[in-house]
Amino acid sequence: MNPFEMLIQLPLAQAQSPGGGFAQFLPLILLFAGMWFLIIAPHRKRQKAHDKMVSELQTGDEIVTSGGIYGTITNVKDDRFILRIADNTKVELGKAFVASKVGEQSAK
């Protein structure tokens, strides 16, 4: 056997090692589990809390938008709020753009 054939067969012999199937995917599985507990699960928890807060908003509540505008809800529709931001100034705001309710801002 010449040295060239040995170089070709060496990687093939290493790839056929016993028990390598699950052991090769273990780091990938551990990485995904770590990402789940550090990134995805806390984000889902915050999203559920935000959705609950938005669903409980009603007329007269003072809110802050994601753009930093303070206003008072004057009307609640299915997918948006009518927000009074100044005298004789009302805007329609999508429910997804409510950042928080004034007075209930959590310490972050």
C-alpha atoms as a PDB file:
ATOM      1  CA  MET A   1       0.000   0.000   0.000  1.00  0.00           C
ATOM      2  CA  ASN A   2       1.469   3.341  -0.959  1.00  0.00           C
ATOM      3  CA  PRO A   3       1.352   6.447   1.272  1.00  0.00           C
ATOM      4  CA  PHE A   4      -1.341   8.096  -0.885  1.00  0.00           C
ATOM      5  CA  GLU A   5      -3.773   5.202  -0.294  1.00  0.00           C
ATOM      6  CA  MET A   6      -3.061   5.346   3.450  1.00  0.00           C
ATOM      7  CA  LEU A   7      -4.000   9.040   3.573  1.00  0.00           C
ATOM      8  CA  ILE A   8      -7.310   8.321   1.846  1.00  0.00           C
ATOM      9  CA  GLN A   9      -8.207   5.366   4.085  1.00  0.00           C
ATOM     10  CA  LEU A  10      -7.300   7.076   7.392  1.00  0.00           C
ATOM     11  CA  PRO A  11     -10.372   9.393   7.496  1.00  0.00           C
ATOM     12  CA  LEU A  12     -12.611   6.499   6.445  1.00  0.00           C
ATOM     13  CA  ALA A  13     -11.335   4.365   9.314  1.00  0.00           C
ATOM     14  CA  GLN A  14     -11.927   7.168  11.808  1.00  0.00           C
ATOM     15  CA  ALA A  15     -15.483   7.823  10.554  1.00  0.00           C
ATOM     16  CA  GLN A  16     -16.460   4.195  11.172  1.00  0.00           C
ATOM     17  CA  SER A  17     -15.728   4.277  14.911  1.00  0.00           C
ATOM     18  CA  PRO A  18     -18.414   2.523  16.996  1.00  0.00           C
ATOM     19  CA  GLY A  19     -20.853   4.613  19.085  1.00  0.00           C
ATOM     20  CA  GLY A  20     -20.274   7.802  17.113  1.00  0.00           C
ATOM     21  CA  GLY A  21     -23.891   8.327  16.035  1.00  0.00           C
ATOM     22  CA  PHE A  22     -25.415   9.829  19.185  1.00  0.00           C
ATOM     23  CA  ALA A  23     -22.138  11.251  20.485  1.00  0.00           C
ATOM     24  CA  GLN A  24     -21.833  13.458  17.419  1.00  0.00           C
ATOM     25  CA  PHE A  25     -25.238  15.082  18.035  1.00  0.00           C
ATOM     26  CA  LEU A  26     -24.855  15.485  21.804  1.00  0.00           C
ATOM     27  CA  PRO A  27     -23.111  18.910  21.649  1.00  0.00           C
ATOM     28  CA  LEU A  28     -25.777  20.192  19.258  1.00  0.00           C
ATOM     29  CA  ILE A  29     -28.549  18.958  21.558  1.00  0.00           C
ATOM     30  CA  LEU A  30     -26.880  20.567  24.587  1.00  0.00           C
ATOM     31  CA  LEU A  31     -26.457  23.845  22.692  1.00  0.00           C
ATOM     32  CA  PHE A  32     -30.151  23.894  21.774  1.00  0.00           C
ATOM     33  CA  ALA A  33     -31.175  23.114  25.372  1.00  0.00           C
ATOM     34  CA  GLY A  34     -28.964  25.951  26.640  1.00  0.00           C
ATOM     35  CA  MET A  35     -30.445  28.393  24.143  1.00  0.00           C
ATOM     36  CA  TRP A  36     -33.949  27.334  25.165  1.00  0.00           C
ATOM     37  CA  PHE A  37     -33.403  28.022  28.868  1.00  0.00           C
ATOM     38  CA  LEU A  38     -31.377  31.203  28.405  1.00  0.00           C
ATOM     39  CA  ILE A  39     -33.150  32.914  25.497  1.00  0.00           C
ATOM     40  CA  ILE A  40     -36.397  31.381  24.277  1.00  0.00           C
ATOM     41  CA  ALA A  41     -38.163  30.537  27.561  1.00  0.00           C
ATOM     42  CA  PRO A  42     -37.676  33.989  29.192  1.00  0.00           C
ATOM     43  CA  HIS A  43     -38.804  35.702  25.967  1.00  0.00           C
ATOM     44  CA  ARG A  44     -41.996  33.624  25.863  1.00  0.00           C
ATOM     45  CA  LYS A  45     -42.662  34.464  29.515  1.00  0.00           C
ATOM     46  CA  ARG A  46     -42.299  38.213  28.846  1.00  0.00           C
ATOM     47  CA  GLN A  47     -44.515  37.923  25.744  1.00  0.00           C
ATOM     48  CA  LYS A  48     -47.281  36.181  27.702  1.00  0.00           C
ATOM     49  CA  ALA A  49     -47.134  38.856  30.432  1.00  0.00           C
ATOM     50  CA  HIS A  50     -47.333  41.623  27.789  1.00  0.00           C
ATOM     51  CA  ASP A  51     -50.287  39.960  26.048  1.00  0.00           C
ATOM     52  CA  LYS A  52     -52.095  39.635  29.396  1.00  0.00           C
ATOM     53  CA  MET A  53     -51.436  43.297  30.229  1.00  0.00           C
ATOM     54  CA  VAL A  54     -52.725  44.462  26.806  1.00  0.00           C
ATOM     55  CA  SER A  55     -55.865  42.324  27.056  1.00  0.00           C
ATOM     56  CA  GLU A  56     -56.690  43.867  30.462  1.00  0.00           C
ATOM     57  CA  LEU A  57     -56.374  47.501  29.286  1.00  0.00           C
ATOM     58  CA  GLN A  58     -59.598  49.466  29.231  1.00  0.00           C
ATOM     59  CA  THR A  59     -60.882  52.983  28.651  1.00  0.00           C
ATOM     60  CA  GLY A  60     -59.274  55.507  30.989  1.00  0.00           C
ATOM     61  CA  ASP A  61     -55.967  53.656  31.471  1.00  0.00           C
ATOM     62  CA  GLU A  62     -52.809  55.681  30.918  1.00  0.00           C
ATOM     63  CA  ILE A  63     -50.175  53.922  28.802  1.00  0.00           C
ATOM     64  CA  VAL A  64     -46.763  54.428  27.232  1.00  0.00           C
ATOM     65  CA  THR A  65     -46.241  53.426  23.605  1.00  0.00           C
ATOM     66  CA  SER A  66     -43.136  51.697  22.315  1.00  0.00           C
ATOM     67  CA  GLY A  67     -42.203  55.072  20.774  1.00  0.00           C
ATOM     68  CA  GLY A  68     -42.312  56.758  24.181  1.00  0.00           C
ATOM     69  CA  ILE A  69     -45.602  58.628  23.812  1.00  0.00           C
ATOM     70  CA  TYR A  70     -47.786  58.888  26.914  1.00  0.00           C
ATOM     71  CA  GLY A  71     -51.535  58.906  26.473  1.00  0.00           C
ATOM     72  CA  THR A  72     -54.909  57.876  27.835  1.00  0.00           C
ATOM     73  CA  ILE A  73     -57.081  55.242  26.199  1.00  0.00           C
ATOM     74  CA  THR A  74     -60.411  56.676  25.114  1.00  0.00           C
ATOM     75  CA  ASN A  75     -61.765  53.700  23.149  1.00  0.00           C
ATOM     76  CA  VAL A  76     -60.854  50.029  22.750  1.00  0.00           C
ATOM     77  CA  LYS A  77     -61.315  48.280  19.399  1.00  0.00           C
ATOM     78  CA  ASP A  78     -60.549  44.691  18.376  1.00  0.00           C
ATOM     79  CA  ASP A  79     -57.021  45.295  17.116  1.00  0.00           C
ATOM     80  CA  ARG A  80     -56.216  48.845  18.270  1.00  0.00           C
ATOM     81  CA  PHE A  81     -56.753  51.569  20.842  1.00  0.00           C
ATOM     82  CA  ILE A  82     -57.870  55.152  20.386  1.00  0.00           C
ATOM     83  CA  LEU A  83     -55.357  57.152  22.416  1.00  0.00           C
ATOM     84  CA  ARG A  84     -55.689  60.777  23.575  1.00  0.00           C
ATOM     85  CA  ILE A  85     -52.195  62.255  23.692  1.00  0.00           C
ATOM     86  CA  ALA A  86     -53.146  65.949  24.081  1.00  0.00           C
ATOM     87  CA  ASP A  87     -56.222  68.161  24.119  1.00  0.00           C
ATOM     88  CA  ASN A  88     -58.182  67.554  20.910  1.00  0.00           C
ATOM     89  CA  THR A  89     -55.510  65.127  19.679  1.00  0.00           C
ATOM     90  CA  LYS A  90     -56.392  61.460  19.304  1.00  0.00           C
ATOM     91  CA  VAL A  91     -54.457  58.749  17.493  1.00  0.00           C
ATOM     92  CA  GLU A  92     -55.139  55.123  16.722  1.00  0.00           C
ATOM     93  CA  LEU A  93     -52.521  52.757  18.064  1.00  0.00           C
ATOM     94  CA  GLY A  94     -52.069  49.072  17.296  1.00  0.00           C
ATOM     95  CA  LYS A  95     -52.220  46.874  20.385  1.00  0.00           C
ATOM     96  CA  ALA A  96     -48.750  45.499  19.687  1.00  0.00           C
ATOM     97  CA  PHE A  97     -47.244  48.973  20.164  1.00  0.00           C
ATOM     98  CA  VAL A  98     -48.249  49.394  23.799  1.00  0.00           C
ATOM     99  CA  ALA A  99     -45.079  49.226  25.895  1.00  0.00           C
ATOM    100  CA  SER A 100     -46.563  49.404  29.389  1.00  0.00           C
ATOM    101  CA  LYS A 101     -49.281  50.755  31.592  1.00  0.00           C
ATOM    102  CA  VAL A 102     -48.248  53.836  33.575  1.00  0.00           C
ATOM    103  CA  GLY A 103     -47.841  52.947  37.230  1.00  0.00           C
ATOM    104  CA  GLU A 104     -47.220  49.248  36.550  1.00  0.00           C
ATOM    105  CA  GLN A 105     -43.755  49.484  35.027  1.00  0.00           C
ATOM    106  CA  SER A 106     -41.675  46.603  36.309  1.00  0.00           C
ATOM    107  CA  ALA A 107     -38.100  47.084  37.474  1.00  0.00           C
ATOM    108  CA  LYS A 108     -35.757  45.622  34.884  1.00  0.00           C
END
